[in-house]
Amino acid sequence: MSPEHFFRQSKRFQDTWNRVVHAISRMRAEGVSLPRAAREFGVSTKEIVRLGGSALRRMPSGRYAAKAKDNLLRVLSLPGRRGLREIAFDDSREASLVGKYWDAVGLYIQTGDASGLREFRGKSVRDANGRRIDLLTDLDELDRLGSAGVLSFESIYARSV
């Protein structure tokens, strides 16, 4: 699914899609079962298989497991000098990197510990259109965004989740 196609869909579809990709990400990251991930994200197992089937593999036992990587579209927010931007990713590895980056940002905003941000200095991620987006590690800018209330745990997720 292209970013353009995603944003043309209803908010209800976008919400369902986001729940599906988050459920699959949870299956991959923590090895939870399809039924458990479905319950946690409030979506049916059938919907996960229907919309996210390309990211799943059926085991000999008949159960589903998440593939090591997938190309399902995810819309995540990233902080920039002008505030948060919604960015579409179609690579689960890039989305995972964004999640780790947000963990480091959250640690800094909550505790002042910038050690986690060091690994992201000079790093960028590639969006679904192939553009490189630099990860913001400037502490003054992050302080400004944090003071303005722009940065929170929920900030990582696009507005439709």
N, C-alpha and C. Protein backbone atom coordinates (compact mmCIF):
# COMPACT_ATOMS: atom_id res chain seq x y z
N MET A 1 0.85 -1.17 0.00
CA MET A 1 0.00 0.00 0.00
C MET A 1 0.90 1.24 0.00
N SER A 2 0.59 2.17 -0.85
CA SER A 2 1.38 3.40 -0.93
C SER A 2 0.89 4.39 0.14
N PRO A 3 1.73 5.34 0.51
CA PRO A 3 1.28 6.37 1.45
C PRO A 3 0.07 7.13 0.93
N GLU A 4 0.06 7.41 -0.36
CA GLU A 4 -1.06 8.15 -0.95
C GLU A 4 -2.36 7.37 -0.80
N HIS A 5 -2.30 6.07 -1.10
CA HIS A 5 -3.47 5.21 -0.97
C HIS A 5 -3.94 5.15 0.48
N PHE A 6 -3.01 5.01 1.40
CA PHE A 6 -3.33 4.95 2.83
C PHE A 6 -4.10 6.20 3.26
N PHE A 7 -3.57 7.38 2.91
CA PHE A 7 -4.19 8.62 3.36
C PHE A 7 -5.52 8.92 2.67
N ARG A 8 -5.81 8.24 1.56
CA ARG A 8 -7.11 8.40 0.90
C ARG A 8 -8.19 7.55 1.57
N GLN A 9 -7.79 6.61 2.40
CA GLN A 9 -8.73 5.72 3.06
C GLN A 9 -9.43 6.43 4.23
N SER A 10 -10.53 5.86 4.66
CA SER A 10 -11.28 6.42 5.80
C SER A 10 -10.44 6.33 7.07
N LYS A 11 -10.76 7.16 8.03
CA LYS A 11 -10.05 7.12 9.32
C LYS A 11 -10.25 5.75 9.98
N ARG A 12 -11.43 5.17 9.79
CA ARG A 12 -11.69 3.85 10.36
C ARG A 12 -10.74 2.81 9.77
N PHE A 13 -10.57 2.82 8.45
CA PHE A 13 -9.65 1.88 7.83
C PHE A 13 -8.22 2.14 8.32
N GLN A 14 -7.81 3.41 8.36
CA GLN A 14 -6.46 3.73 8.82
C GLN A 14 -6.22 3.21 10.23
N ASP A 15 -7.22 3.37 11.09
CA ASP A 15 -7.11 2.89 12.46
C ASP A 15 -6.95 1.36 12.48
N THR A 16 -7.78 0.67 11.70
CA THR A 16 -7.69 -0.80 11.64
C THR A 16 -6.32 -1.22 11.11
N TRP A 17 -5.89 -0.58 10.02
CA TRP A 17 -4.58 -0.90 9.44
C TRP A 17 -3.47 -0.73 10.47
N ASN A 18 -3.50 0.40 11.18
CA ASN A 18 -2.45 0.65 12.18
C ASN A 18 -2.48 -0.39 13.29
N ARG A 19 -3.65 -0.81 13.70
CA ARG A 19 -3.76 -1.85 14.73
C ARG A 19 -3.18 -3.17 14.21
N VAL A 20 -3.44 -3.49 12.96
CA VAL A 20 -2.92 -4.71 12.35
C VAL A 20 -1.40 -4.69 12.33
N VAL A 21 -0.80 -3.61 11.84
CA VAL A 21 0.68 -3.59 11.74
C VAL A 21 1.32 -3.56 13.13
N HIS A 22 0.67 -2.92 14.10
CA HIS A 22 1.21 -2.94 15.46
C HIS A 22 1.12 -4.33 16.06
N ALA A 23 0.03 -5.04 15.78
CA ALA A 23 -0.10 -6.42 16.27
C ALA A 23 0.99 -7.30 15.69
N ILE A 24 1.25 -7.15 14.40
CA ILE A 24 2.29 -7.96 13.75
C ILE A 24 3.66 -7.59 14.32
N SER A 25 3.89 -6.32 14.55
CA SER A 25 5.17 -5.89 15.15
C SER A 25 5.35 -6.52 16.53
N ARG A 26 4.28 -6.57 17.30
CA ARG A 26 4.35 -7.18 18.64
C ARG A 26 4.63 -8.68 18.53
N MET A 27 4.00 -9.32 17.57
CA MET A 27 4.27 -10.75 17.36
C MET A 27 5.74 -10.97 17.06
N ARG A 28 6.31 -10.11 16.22
CA ARG A 28 7.71 -10.26 15.83
C ARG A 28 8.64 -9.96 17.01
N ALA A 29 8.40 -8.84 17.67
CA ALA A 29 9.32 -8.37 18.71
C ALA A 29 9.29 -9.24 19.96
N GLU A 30 8.10 -9.71 20.32
CA GLU A 30 7.99 -10.41 21.60
C GLU A 30 7.49 -11.83 21.48
N GLY A 31 7.27 -12.29 20.25
CA GLY A 31 6.86 -13.66 20.04
C GLY A 31 5.47 -14.01 20.53
N VAL A 32 4.61 -13.01 20.70
CA VAL A 32 3.26 -13.31 21.15
C VAL A 32 2.46 -13.96 20.03
N SER A 33 1.45 -14.71 20.40
CA SER A 33 0.63 -15.42 19.42
C SER A 33 -0.28 -14.45 18.67
N LEU A 34 -0.75 -14.89 17.53
CA LEU A 34 -1.69 -14.08 16.75
C LEU A 34 -2.94 -13.75 17.57
N PRO A 35 -3.58 -14.73 18.23
CA PRO A 35 -4.77 -14.38 19.01
C PRO A 35 -4.50 -13.37 20.13
N ARG A 36 -3.37 -13.50 20.78
CA ARG A 36 -3.04 -12.56 21.86
C ARG A 36 -2.80 -11.15 21.29
N ALA A 37 -2.03 -11.06 20.21
CA ALA A 37 -1.78 -9.76 19.59
C ALA A 37 -3.08 -9.14 19.11
N ALA A 38 -3.97 -9.95 18.56
CA ALA A 38 -5.26 -9.44 18.10
C ALA A 38 -6.05 -8.86 19.26
N ARG A 39 -6.10 -9.58 20.37
CA ARG A 39 -6.82 -9.08 21.56
C ARG A 39 -6.21 -7.78 22.06
N GLU A 40 -4.88 -7.74 22.15
CA GLU A 40 -4.20 -6.56 22.68
C GLU A 40 -4.45 -5.31 21.84
N PHE A 41 -4.63 -5.49 20.54
CA PHE A 41 -4.81 -4.34 19.66
C PHE A 41 -6.24 -4.18 19.18
N GLY A 42 -7.14 -4.99 19.72
CA GLY A 42 -8.55 -4.81 19.43
C GLY A 42 -8.94 -5.02 17.99
N VAL A 43 -8.35 -6.03 17.37
CA VAL A 43 -8.65 -6.36 15.97
C VAL A 43 -8.77 -7.88 15.87
N SER A 44 -9.55 -8.35 14.93
CA SER A 44 -9.74 -9.80 14.82
C SER A 44 -8.54 -10.46 14.17
N THR A 45 -8.37 -11.75 14.46
CA THR A 45 -7.29 -12.50 13.83
C THR A 45 -7.51 -12.56 12.32
N LYS A 46 -8.77 -12.67 11.91
CA LYS A 46 -9.08 -12.71 10.47
C LYS A 46 -8.64 -11.42 9.79
N GLU A 47 -8.86 -10.29 10.46
CA GLU A 47 -8.47 -9.00 9.88
C GLU A 47 -6.95 -8.91 9.77
N ILE A 48 -6.24 -9.41 10.77
CA ILE A 48 -4.78 -9.38 10.71
C ILE A 48 -4.29 -10.22 9.54
N VAL A 49 -4.84 -11.41 9.37
CA VAL A 49 -4.43 -12.28 8.27
C VAL A 49 -4.82 -11.66 6.93
N ARG A 50 -6.01 -11.07 6.85
CA ARG A 50 -6.48 -10.48 5.59
C ARG A 50 -5.62 -9.28 5.18
N LEU A 51 -5.37 -8.37 6.11
CA LEU A 51 -4.64 -7.15 5.77
C LEU A 51 -3.12 -7.32 5.86
N GLY A 52 -2.67 -8.14 6.77
CA GLY A 52 -1.22 -8.25 6.99
C GLY A 52 -0.65 -9.60 6.66
N GLY A 53 -1.37 -10.38 5.88
CA GLY A 53 -0.94 -11.74 5.57
C GLY A 53 0.44 -11.85 4.96
N SER A 54 0.86 -10.85 4.21
CA SER A 54 2.18 -10.91 3.58
C SER A 54 3.31 -10.85 4.61
N ALA A 55 3.00 -10.42 5.82
CA ALA A 55 4.00 -10.31 6.88
C ALA A 55 3.98 -11.53 7.81
N LEU A 56 3.12 -12.49 7.49
CA LEU A 56 2.97 -13.67 8.33
C LEU A 56 3.36 -14.92 7.57
N ARG A 57 3.76 -15.94 8.33
CA ARG A 57 3.98 -17.25 7.73
C ARG A 57 3.22 -18.27 8.57
N ARG A 58 2.66 -19.24 7.87
CA ARG A 58 1.91 -20.27 8.57
C ARG A 58 2.87 -21.40 8.93
N MET A 59 2.87 -21.75 10.18
CA MET A 59 3.76 -22.79 10.68
C MET A 59 3.14 -24.17 10.40
N PRO A 60 3.92 -25.23 10.44
CA PRO A 60 3.37 -26.58 10.24
C PRO A 60 2.23 -26.90 11.21
N SER A 61 2.26 -26.28 12.38
CA SER A 61 1.22 -26.51 13.38
C SER A 61 -0.10 -25.82 13.01
N GLY A 62 -0.05 -24.96 11.99
CA GLY A 62 -1.24 -24.20 11.60
C GLY A 62 -1.28 -22.81 12.20
N ARG A 63 -0.42 -22.55 13.16
CA ARG A 63 -0.35 -21.22 13.78
C ARG A 63 0.41 -20.27 12.87
N TYR A 64 0.17 -18.97 13.11
CA TYR A 64 0.87 -17.94 12.34
C TYR A 64 1.99 -17.34 13.17
N ALA A 65 3.06 -16.98 12.49
CA ALA A 65 4.18 -16.26 13.11
C ALA A 65 4.54 -15.11 12.19
N ALA A 66 5.08 -14.05 12.77
CA ALA A 66 5.50 -12.91 11.98
C ALA A 66 6.83 -13.23 11.30
N LYS A 67 6.94 -12.83 10.05
CA LYS A 67 8.21 -12.97 9.33
C LYS A 67 9.24 -12.05 9.96
N ALA A 68 10.51 -12.31 9.70
CA ALA A 68 11.59 -11.53 10.29
C ALA A 68 11.50 -10.05 9.91
N LYS A 69 10.98 -9.75 8.72
CA LYS A 69 10.79 -8.38 8.28
C LYS A 69 9.59 -8.33 7.37
N ASP A 70 9.05 -7.14 7.19
CA ASP A 70 7.91 -7.01 6.28
C ASP A 70 7.95 -5.64 5.61
N ASN A 71 7.09 -5.48 4.63
CA ASN A 71 6.99 -4.23 3.89
C ASN A 71 5.61 -3.59 4.03
N LEU A 72 4.97 -3.83 5.16
CA LEU A 72 3.67 -3.20 5.42
C LEU A 72 3.88 -1.72 5.74
N LEU A 73 3.01 -0.90 5.22
CA LEU A 73 3.12 0.54 5.44
C LEU A 73 2.81 0.87 6.90
N ARG A 74 3.65 1.72 7.48
CA ARG A 74 3.44 2.24 8.83
C ARG A 74 3.62 3.75 8.76
N VAL A 75 2.73 4.47 9.39
CA VAL A 75 2.85 5.92 9.45
C VAL A 75 3.20 6.28 10.89
N LEU A 76 4.41 6.81 11.05
CA LEU A 76 4.93 7.17 12.36
C LEU A 76 5.28 8.64 12.38
N SER A 77 5.35 9.19 13.56
CA SER A 77 5.74 10.59 13.71
C SER A 77 7.21 10.68 14.07
N LEU A 78 7.85 11.71 13.56
CA LEU A 78 9.24 12.00 13.89
C LEU A 78 9.35 13.48 14.24
N PRO A 79 10.12 13.79 15.29
CA PRO A 79 10.33 15.20 15.60
C PRO A 79 11.29 15.84 14.62
N GLY A 80 10.99 17.07 14.28
CA GLY A 80 11.86 17.87 13.43
C GLY A 80 11.92 19.27 14.00
N ARG A 81 12.68 20.11 13.41
CA ARG A 81 12.84 21.47 13.93
C ARG A 81 11.54 22.27 13.94
N ARG A 82 10.57 21.86 13.13
CA ARG A 82 9.28 22.56 13.09
C ARG A 82 8.18 21.79 13.81
N GLY A 83 8.55 20.77 14.58
CA GLY A 83 7.56 19.97 15.29
C GLY A 83 7.51 18.56 14.75
N LEU A 84 6.41 17.88 15.03
CA LEU A 84 6.28 16.50 14.59
C LEU A 84 5.85 16.42 13.14
N ARG A 85 6.38 15.43 12.44
CA ARG A 85 6.00 15.17 11.05
C ARG A 85 5.55 13.72 10.95
N GLU A 86 4.50 13.49 10.19
CA GLU A 86 4.07 12.13 9.93
C GLU A 86 4.86 11.60 8.74
N ILE A 87 5.48 10.45 8.93
CA ILE A 87 6.33 9.86 7.90
C ILE A 87 5.84 8.43 7.66
N ALA A 88 5.70 8.07 6.40
CA ALA A 88 5.29 6.72 6.02
C ALA A 88 6.54 5.86 5.80
N PHE A 89 6.53 4.67 6.38
CA PHE A 89 7.61 3.71 6.22
C PHE A 89 7.03 2.42 5.67
N ASP A 90 7.77 1.77 4.77
CA ASP A 90 7.31 0.48 4.25
C ASP A 90 8.34 -0.62 4.50
N ASP A 91 9.16 -0.42 5.50
CA ASP A 91 10.16 -1.41 5.89
C ASP A 91 10.10 -1.54 7.41
N SER A 92 9.79 -2.73 7.89
CA SER A 92 9.66 -2.92 9.34
C SER A 92 10.96 -2.63 10.08
N ARG A 93 12.09 -2.80 9.41
CA ARG A 93 13.37 -2.51 10.07
C ARG A 93 13.54 -1.02 10.30
N GLU A 94 13.12 -0.21 9.35
CA GLU A 94 13.19 1.25 9.52
C GLU A 94 12.24 1.68 10.64
N ALA A 95 11.03 1.10 10.65
CA ALA A 95 10.06 1.43 11.69
C ALA A 95 10.58 1.03 13.07
N SER A 96 11.26 -0.09 13.14
CA SER A 96 11.85 -0.54 14.40
C SER A 96 12.94 0.43 14.87
N LEU A 97 13.74 0.91 13.94
CA LEU A 97 14.76 1.90 14.27
C LEU A 97 14.12 3.18 14.82
N VAL A 98 13.01 3.59 14.21
CA VAL A 98 12.29 4.77 14.70
C VAL A 98 11.80 4.52 16.13
N GLY A 99 11.32 3.31 16.41
CA GLY A 99 10.88 2.98 17.77
C GLY A 99 12.01 3.08 18.78
N LYS A 100 13.19 2.58 18.41
CA LYS A 100 14.37 2.68 19.30
C LYS A 100 14.79 4.13 19.49
N TYR A 101 14.72 4.90 18.42
CA TYR A 101 15.02 6.32 18.50
C TYR A 101 14.07 7.00 19.49
N TRP A 102 12.76 6.72 19.38
CA TRP A 102 11.79 7.31 20.29
C TRP A 102 12.05 6.91 21.74
N ASP A 103 12.52 5.67 21.96
CA ASP A 103 12.88 5.25 23.31
C ASP A 103 13.97 6.16 23.87
N ALA A 104 14.97 6.45 23.02
CA ALA A 104 16.08 7.31 23.45
C ALA A 104 15.59 8.74 23.69
N VAL A 105 14.71 9.24 22.82
CA VAL A 105 14.15 10.58 23.01
C VAL A 105 13.36 10.62 24.31
N GLY A 106 12.53 9.62 24.55
CA GLY A 106 11.73 9.58 25.77
C GLY A 106 12.58 9.56 27.02
N LEU A 107 13.65 8.77 27.00
CA LEU A 107 14.56 8.73 28.15
C LEU A 107 15.17 10.10 28.39
N TYR A 108 15.57 10.77 27.33
CA TYR A 108 16.15 12.10 27.48
C TYR A 108 15.14 13.10 28.03
N ILE A 109 13.95 13.12 27.46
CA ILE A 109 12.94 14.09 27.89
C ILE A 109 12.53 13.85 29.34
N GLN A 110 12.43 12.58 29.73
CA GLN A 110 11.97 12.27 31.09
C GLN A 110 13.06 12.39 32.15
N THR A 111 14.31 12.09 31.77
CA THR A 111 15.36 12.03 32.79
C THR A 111 16.55 12.94 32.54
N GLY A 112 16.68 13.45 31.32
CA GLY A 112 17.86 14.25 30.99
C GLY A 112 19.04 13.40 30.55
N ASP A 113 18.87 12.08 30.51
CA ASP A 113 19.93 11.16 30.10
C ASP A 113 19.97 11.09 28.57
N ALA A 114 21.00 11.70 27.99
CA ALA A 114 21.11 11.76 26.53
C ALA A 114 21.95 10.63 25.95
N SER A 115 22.38 9.69 26.79
CA SER A 115 23.28 8.64 26.31
C SER A 115 22.67 7.81 25.17
N GLY A 116 21.38 7.55 25.22
CA GLY A 116 20.74 6.76 24.18
C GLY A 116 20.69 7.46 22.84
N LEU A 117 20.72 8.78 22.86
CA LEU A 117 20.66 9.54 21.61
C LEU A 117 21.98 9.53 20.85
N ARG A 118 23.07 9.21 21.54
CA ARG A 118 24.39 9.23 20.88
C ARG A 118 24.44 8.32 19.67
N GLU A 119 23.83 7.15 19.76
CA GLU A 119 23.90 6.21 18.63
C GLU A 119 23.12 6.70 17.41
N PHE A 120 22.29 7.72 17.58
CA PHE A 120 21.50 8.23 16.47
C PHE A 120 22.07 9.50 15.85
N ARG A 121 23.16 10.01 16.41
CA ARG A 121 23.79 11.21 15.83
C ARG A 121 24.25 10.91 14.42
N GLY A 122 23.83 11.79 13.50
CA GLY A 122 24.22 11.62 12.10
C GLY A 122 23.49 10.50 11.37
N LYS A 123 22.52 9.88 12.03
CA LYS A 123 21.77 8.78 11.41
C LYS A 123 20.49 9.30 10.77
N SER A 124 20.02 8.54 9.81
CA SER A 124 18.77 8.88 9.15
C SER A 124 18.00 7.59 8.88
N VAL A 125 16.76 7.76 8.53
CA VAL A 125 15.91 6.62 8.14
C VAL A 125 15.39 6.91 6.74
N ARG A 126 15.02 5.85 6.04
CA ARG A 126 14.51 5.98 4.68
C ARG A 126 12.99 5.78 4.72
N ASP A 127 12.25 6.77 4.20
CA ASP A 127 10.79 6.67 4.20
C ASP A 127 10.32 5.79 3.04
N ALA A 128 9.01 5.64 2.93
CA ALA A 128 8.43 4.75 1.91
C ALA A 128 8.70 5.22 0.49
N ASN A 129 9.02 6.49 0.32
CA ASN A 129 9.35 7.02 -1.00
C ASN A 129 10.85 7.03 -1.27
N GLY A 130 11.63 6.46 -0.35
CA GLY A 130 13.06 6.37 -0.53
C GLY A 130 13.85 7.59 -0.08
N ARG A 131 13.17 8.57 0.48
CA ARG A 131 13.86 9.78 0.97
C ARG A 131 14.50 9.52 2.32
N ARG A 132 15.68 10.08 2.50
CA ARG A 132 16.38 10.00 3.78
C ARG A 132 15.88 11.11 4.70
N ILE A 133 15.59 10.74 5.94
CA ILE A 133 15.14 11.72 6.93
C ILE A 133 16.08 11.62 8.11
N ASP A 134 16.76 12.73 8.40
CA ASP A 134 17.70 12.78 9.51
C ASP A 134 16.96 12.70 10.83
N LEU A 135 17.53 11.94 11.77
CA LEU A 135 16.95 11.85 13.10
C LEU A 135 17.47 13.01 13.95
N LEU A 136 16.57 13.73 14.55
CA LEU A 136 16.91 14.91 15.35
C LEU A 136 17.54 14.48 16.66
N THR A 137 18.78 14.92 16.88
CA THR A 137 19.47 14.61 18.14
C THR A 137 19.97 15.87 18.83
N ASP A 138 19.68 17.03 18.27
CA ASP A 138 20.08 18.29 18.87
C ASP A 138 19.32 18.46 20.19
N LEU A 139 20.05 18.44 21.30
CA LEU A 139 19.42 18.48 22.61
C LEU A 139 18.64 19.76 22.86
N ASP A 140 19.14 20.88 22.36
CA ASP A 140 18.40 22.15 22.53
C ASP A 140 17.06 22.09 21.81
N GLU A 141 17.04 21.53 20.61
CA GLU A 141 15.79 21.40 19.86
C GLU A 141 14.84 20.42 20.55
N LEU A 142 15.36 19.31 21.03
CA LEU A 142 14.51 18.35 21.74
C LEU A 142 13.96 18.96 23.03
N ASP A 143 14.79 19.75 23.73
CA ASP A 143 14.30 20.46 24.93
C ASP A 143 13.16 21.40 24.57
N ARG A 144 13.34 22.13 23.48
CA ARG A 144 12.31 23.09 23.05
C ARG A 144 11.01 22.36 22.73
N LEU A 145 11.11 21.28 21.98
CA LEU A 145 9.91 20.50 21.62
C LEU A 145 9.28 19.87 22.85
N GLY A 146 10.12 19.39 23.76
CA GLY A 146 9.61 18.79 24.99
C GLY A 146 8.90 19.80 25.86
N SER A 147 9.47 20.99 25.97
CA SER A 147 8.86 22.06 26.77
C SER A 147 7.54 22.52 26.16
N ALA A 148 7.43 22.44 24.86
CA ALA A 148 6.21 22.84 24.17
C ALA A 148 5.14 21.75 24.24
N GLY A 149 5.49 20.59 24.83
CA GLY A 149 4.52 19.51 24.95
C GLY A 149 4.34 18.69 23.69
N VAL A 150 5.25 18.85 22.75
CA VAL A 150 5.15 18.15 21.47
C VAL A 150 5.58 16.69 21.60
N LEU A 151 6.51 16.41 22.50
CA LEU A 151 7.06 15.07 22.62
C LEU A 151 6.43 14.32 23.79
N SER A 152 5.83 13.19 23.48
CA SER A 152 5.26 12.32 24.51
C SER A 152 5.33 10.90 23.98
N PHE A 153 5.04 9.93 24.84
CA PHE A 153 5.06 8.53 24.40
C PHE A 153 4.15 8.31 23.21
N GLU A 154 2.99 8.94 23.23
CA GLU A 154 2.02 8.75 22.16
C GLU A 154 2.47 9.42 20.86
N SER A 155 3.47 10.27 20.90
CA SER A 155 3.89 11.02 19.72
C SER A 155 4.35 10.14 18.58
N ILE A 156 4.87 8.96 18.88
CA ILE A 156 5.40 8.10 17.82
C ILE A 156 4.32 7.71 16.82
N TYR A 157 3.12 7.53 17.30
CA TYR A 157 2.05 7.03 16.43
C TYR A 157 1.39 8.15 15.69
N ALA A 158 1.09 7.90 14.45
CA ALA A 158 0.39 8.89 13.64
C ALA A 158 -0.98 9.16 14.25
N ARG A 159 -1.59 10.23 13.86
CA ARG A 159 -2.83 10.69 14.46
C ARG A 159 -3.98 9.71 14.42
N SER A 160 -3.93 8.72 13.51
CA SER A 160 -5.09 7.85 13.36
C SER A 160 -5.11 6.70 14.36
N VAL A 161 -4.07 6.52 15.15
CA VAL A 161 -4.09 5.43 16.14
C VAL A 161 -4.58 5.98 17.45
